[in-house]
Amino acid sequence: MKLFDTTLARLQSSLDVRLARQNVLGGNLANVDTPGYQPRDLDFAEAMKARAAELAGQTPALPSAVPSDGHLALDVVGPTADGPARFVKVTEGEGGLDGNGVDLDRTMVELSRNALLYGASTRAAGKKLAILRYVAGDGIG
């Protein structure tokens, strides 16, 4: 019987990827007035697939999606051999008169949504740890 299943590892990966996405979206928000800035987003599903492959001992072979446009590279999934920001993609923004593609309303909605999902993951991890604490205490509160 396994005491620790993959649930805690997946929840940890989810928290890491959600935090990284929050940082990328926050970067978009910080650059809302930067002329020519194109917003970025983190592909949560692809990052989670890669994390699952890493947990299974495989090495995901996904190319970097960050263009070399002079912006700082982000290390959103942790240090890797093939470079930073493997799962960050440039989203298509309409752009204003200055060429900035950040949609403030959409970015705020995505930040809020991501924060809610991060909170849900933390509560799920807390419940899982509470169950393990209960079992380790022989069922005593």
C-alpha atoms as a PDB file:
ATOM      1  CA  MET A   1       0.000   0.000   0.000  1.00  0.00           C
ATOM      2  CA  LYS A   2       1.335   3.424  -0.941  1.00  0.00           C
ATOM      3  CA  LEU A   3       1.131   6.074   1.750  1.00  0.00           C
ATOM      4  CA  PHE A   4       1.803   8.954  -0.605  1.00  0.00           C
ATOM      5  CA  ASP A   5       0.025   8.810  -3.907  1.00  0.00           C
ATOM      6  CA  THR A   6       0.643  11.211  -6.773  1.00  0.00           C
ATOM      7  CA  THR A   7      -2.013  13.634  -5.587  1.00  0.00           C
ATOM      8  CA  LEU A   8       0.325  15.727  -3.451  1.00  0.00           C
ATOM      9  CA  ALA A   9       2.955  15.845  -6.192  1.00  0.00           C
ATOM     10  CA  ARG A  10       0.362  16.979  -8.728  1.00  0.00           C
ATOM     11  CA  LEU A  11      -1.003  19.581  -6.353  1.00  0.00           C
ATOM     12  CA  GLN A  12       2.519  20.885  -5.798  1.00  0.00           C
ATOM     13  CA  SER A  13       3.053  21.077  -9.562  1.00  0.00           C
ATOM     14  CA  SER A  14      -0.269  22.847  -9.940  1.00  0.00           C
ATOM     15  CA  LEU A  15       0.728  25.410  -7.311  1.00  0.00           C
ATOM     16  CA  ASP A  16       4.088  25.982  -8.988  1.00  0.00           C
ATOM     17  CA  VAL A  17       2.567  26.444 -12.437  1.00  0.00           C
ATOM     18  CA  ARG A  18      -0.252  28.670 -11.138  1.00  0.00           C
ATOM     19  CA  LEU A  19       2.318  30.862  -9.373  1.00  0.00           C
ATOM     20  CA  ALA A  20       4.374  31.094 -12.541  1.00  0.00           C
ATOM     21  CA  ARG A  21       1.271  32.038 -14.547  1.00  0.00           C
ATOM     22  CA  GLN A  22       0.418  34.702 -11.993  1.00  0.00           C
ATOM     23  CA  ASN A  23       3.899  36.158 -12.465  1.00  0.00           C
ATOM     24  CA  VAL A  24       3.558  36.177 -16.254  1.00  0.00           C
ATOM     25  CA  LEU A  25       0.129  37.823 -16.087  1.00  0.00           C
ATOM     26  CA  GLY A  26       1.452  40.317 -13.554  1.00  0.00           C
ATOM     27  CA  GLY A  27       4.217  41.146 -16.027  1.00  0.00           C
ATOM     28  CA  ASN A  28       1.566  41.901 -18.633  1.00  0.00           C
ATOM     29  CA  LEU A  29      -0.172  44.187 -16.179  1.00  0.00           C
ATOM     30  CA  ALA A  30       3.100  45.936 -15.339  1.00  0.00           C
ATOM     31  CA  ASN A  31       3.705  46.571 -19.043  1.00  0.00           C
ATOM     32  CA  VAL A  32       0.245  47.904 -19.837  1.00  0.00           C
ATOM     33  CA  ASP A  33       1.764  51.275 -20.806  1.00  0.00           C
ATOM     34  CA  THR A  34       4.877  49.963 -22.570  1.00  0.00           C
ATOM     35  CA  PRO A  35       4.767  50.834 -26.281  1.00  0.00           C
ATOM     36  CA  GLY A  36       4.972  47.776 -28.536  1.00  0.00           C
ATOM     37  CA  TYR A  37       4.659  45.260 -25.706  1.00  0.00           C
ATOM     38  CA  GLN A  38       2.914  42.015 -26.642  1.00  0.00           C
ATOM     39  CA  PRO A  39       1.237  40.173 -23.765  1.00  0.00           C
ATOM     40  CA  ARG A  40       2.342  36.694 -22.765  1.00  0.00           C
ATOM     41  CA  ASP A  41       0.554  33.831 -21.106  1.00  0.00           C
ATOM     42  CA  LEU A  42       1.546  30.499 -19.653  1.00  0.00           C
ATOM     43  CA  ASP A  43       0.051  27.384 -21.191  1.00  0.00           C
ATOM     44  CA  PHE A  44      -1.100  25.663 -17.999  1.00  0.00           C
ATOM     45  CA  ALA A  45      -2.018  22.337 -19.625  1.00  0.00           C
ATOM     46  CA  GLU A  46       1.320  21.971 -21.425  1.00  0.00           C
ATOM     47  CA  ALA A  47       3.276  22.952 -18.320  1.00  0.00           C
ATOM     48  CA  MET A  48       1.372  20.391 -16.242  1.00  0.00           C
ATOM     49  CA  LYS A  49       1.992  17.681 -18.874  1.00  0.00           C
ATOM     50  CA  ALA A  50       5.692  18.474 -18.755  1.00  0.00           C
ATOM     51  CA  ARG A  51       5.697  18.421 -14.952  1.00  0.00           C
ATOM     52  CA  ALA A  52       3.945  15.036 -14.984  1.00  0.00           C
ATOM     53  CA  ALA A  53       6.562  13.737 -17.419  1.00  0.00           C
ATOM     54  CA  GLU A  54       9.336  15.068 -15.172  1.00  0.00           C
ATOM     55  CA  LEU A  55       7.772  13.316 -12.164  1.00  0.00           C
ATOM     56  CA  ALA A  56       7.657  10.095 -14.157  1.00  0.00           C
ATOM     57  CA  GLY A  57      11.360  10.438 -14.947  1.00  0.00           C
ATOM     58  CA  GLN A  58      10.941  11.475 -18.564  1.00  0.00           C
ATOM     59  CA  THR A  59      12.319  14.617 -20.118  1.00  0.00           C
ATOM     60  CA  PRO A  60       9.747  16.665 -22.011  1.00  0.00           C
ATOM     61  CA  ALA A  61      11.023  17.957 -25.328  1.00  0.00           C
ATOM     62  CA  LEU A  62       9.088  21.143 -25.830  1.00  0.00           C
ATOM     63  CA  PRO A  63      10.672  24.058 -27.652  1.00  0.00           C
ATOM     64  CA  SER A  64      10.923  27.519 -26.199  1.00  0.00           C
ATOM     65  CA  ALA A  65       7.981  29.701 -27.172  1.00  0.00           C
ATOM     66  CA  VAL A  66       9.480  33.035 -26.190  1.00  0.00           C
ATOM     67  CA  PRO A  67      10.598  35.192 -29.092  1.00  0.00           C
ATOM     68  CA  SER A  68      13.927  36.959 -28.873  1.00  0.00           C
ATOM     69  CA  ASP A  69      12.493  40.455 -28.975  1.00  0.00           C
ATOM     70  CA  GLY A  70      14.730  42.017 -26.366  1.00  0.00           C
ATOM     71  CA  HIS A  71      12.404  41.426 -23.402  1.00  0.00           C
ATOM     72  CA  LEU A  72      13.731  39.697 -20.334  1.00  0.00           C
ATOM     73  CA  ALA A  73      13.361  35.940 -20.354  1.00  0.00           C
ATOM     74  CA  LEU A  74      11.242  34.400 -17.615  1.00  0.00           C
ATOM     75  CA  ASP A  75      12.092  31.157 -15.880  1.00  0.00           C
ATOM     76  CA  VAL A  76       8.557  30.028 -15.179  1.00  0.00           C
ATOM     77  CA  VAL A  77       8.860  26.302 -14.667  1.00  0.00           C
ATOM     78  CA  GLY A  78      12.150  26.078 -12.834  1.00  0.00           C
ATOM     79  CA  PRO A  79      15.698  25.745 -14.079  1.00  0.00           C
ATOM     80  CA  THR A  80      15.967  23.584 -17.158  1.00  0.00           C
ATOM     81  CA  ALA A  81      18.721  22.592 -19.536  1.00  0.00           C
ATOM     82  CA  ASP A  82      16.982  23.851 -22.668  1.00  0.00           C
ATOM     83  CA  GLY A  83      16.487  27.439 -21.552  1.00  0.00           C
ATOM     84  CA  PRO A  84      13.972  29.659 -19.797  1.00  0.00           C
ATOM     85  CA  ALA A  85      10.240  30.036 -20.225  1.00  0.00           C
ATOM     86  CA  ARG A  86       9.401  26.915 -22.173  1.00  0.00           C
ATOM     87  CA  PHE A  87       5.672  27.385 -21.864  1.00  0.00           C
ATOM     88  CA  VAL A  88       5.228  31.117 -22.194  1.00  0.00           C
ATOM     89  CA  LYS A  89       3.470  32.112 -25.371  1.00  0.00           C
ATOM     90  CA  VAL A  90       2.880  35.508 -26.860  1.00  0.00           C
ATOM     91  CA  THR A  91      -0.824  36.127 -27.087  1.00  0.00           C
ATOM     92  CA  GLU A  92      -2.361  38.001 -29.958  1.00  0.00           C
ATOM     93  CA  GLY A  93      -3.405  41.414 -28.768  1.00  0.00           C
ATOM     94  CA  GLU A  94      -5.145  43.934 -30.972  1.00  0.00           C
ATOM     95  CA  GLY A  95      -2.803  46.687 -29.909  1.00  0.00           C
ATOM     96  CA  GLY A  96      -3.527  50.316 -29.369  1.00  0.00           C
ATOM     97  CA  LEU A  97      -2.018  53.306 -31.089  1.00  0.00           C
ATOM     98  CA  ASP A  98       1.331  52.578 -29.442  1.00  0.00           C
ATOM     99  CA  GLY A  99       1.299  48.884 -30.450  1.00  0.00           C
ATOM    100  CA  ASN A 100       0.702  47.621 -26.911  1.00  0.00           C
ATOM    101  CA  GLY A 101      -1.455  44.482 -27.045  1.00  0.00           C
ATOM    102  CA  VAL A 102      -2.343  44.217 -23.344  1.00  0.00           C
ATOM    103  CA  ASP A 103      -6.087  44.204 -22.684  1.00  0.00           C
ATOM    104  CA  LEU A 104      -6.369  45.476 -19.115  1.00  0.00           C
ATOM    105  CA  ASP A 105      -9.820  43.992 -18.450  1.00  0.00           C
ATOM    106  CA  ARG A 106      -8.941  40.557 -19.824  1.00  0.00           C
ATOM    107  CA  THR A 107      -5.675  40.515 -17.893  1.00  0.00           C
ATOM    108  CA  MET A 108      -7.426  41.384 -14.629  1.00  0.00           C
ATOM    109  CA  VAL A 109     -10.014  38.642 -15.211  1.00  0.00           C
ATOM    110  CA  GLU A 110      -7.285  36.074 -15.892  1.00  0.00           C
ATOM    111  CA  LEU A 111      -5.343  37.201 -12.800  1.00  0.00           C
ATOM    112  CA  SER A 112      -8.453  36.773 -10.649  1.00  0.00           C
ATOM    113  CA  ARG A 113      -9.333  33.417 -12.189  1.00  0.00           C
ATOM    114  CA  ASN A 114      -5.803  32.126 -11.715  1.00  0.00           C
ATOM    115  CA  ALA A 115      -5.751  33.325  -8.087  1.00  0.00           C
ATOM    116  CA  LEU A 116      -9.020  31.491  -7.394  1.00  0.00           C
ATOM    117  CA  LEU A 117      -7.663  28.286  -8.890  1.00  0.00           C
ATOM    118  CA  TYR A 118      -4.446  28.682  -6.891  1.00  0.00           C
ATOM    119  CA  GLY A 119      -6.539  29.021  -3.729  1.00  0.00           C
ATOM    120  CA  ALA A 120      -8.497  25.902  -4.632  1.00  0.00           C
ATOM    121  CA  SER A 121      -5.252  23.965  -5.069  1.00  0.00           C
ATOM    122  CA  THR A 122      -3.953  25.147  -1.688  1.00  0.00           C
ATOM    123  CA  ARG A 123      -7.187  24.073   0.017  1.00  0.00           C
ATOM    124  CA  ALA A 124      -7.038  20.664  -1.682  1.00  0.00           C
ATOM    125  CA  ALA A 125      -3.428  20.198  -0.578  1.00  0.00           C
ATOM    126  CA  GLY A 126      -4.385  21.235   2.962  1.00  0.00           C
ATOM    127  CA  LYS A 127      -7.201  18.675   3.036  1.00  0.00           C
ATOM    128  CA  LYS A 128      -4.899  15.950   1.760  1.00  0.00           C
ATOM    129  CA  LEU A 129      -2.319  16.759   4.437  1.00  0.00           C
ATOM    130  CA  ALA A 130      -5.040  16.842   7.103  1.00  0.00           C
ATOM    131  CA  ILE A 131      -6.081  13.334   6.093  1.00  0.00           C
ATOM    132  CA  LEU A 132      -2.484  12.130   6.381  1.00  0.00           C
ATOM    133  CA  ARG A 133      -2.123  13.834   9.784  1.00  0.00           C
ATOM    134  CA  TYR A 134      -5.338  12.141  10.957  1.00  0.00           C
ATOM    135  CA  VAL A 135      -4.117   8.735   9.797  1.00  0.00           C
ATOM    136  CA  ALA A 136      -0.677   9.263  11.341  1.00  0.00           C
ATOM    137  CA  GLY A 137      -2.330  10.102  14.669  1.00  0.00           C
ATOM    138  CA  ASP A 138      -4.251   6.794  14.626  1.00  0.00           C
ATOM    139  CA  GLY A 139      -7.525   8.590  14.067  1.00  0.00           C
ATOM    140  CA  ILE A 140      -7.141  10.963  16.988  1.00  0.00           C
ATOM    141  CA  GLY A 141      -8.140  14.458  15.949  1.00  0.00           C
END
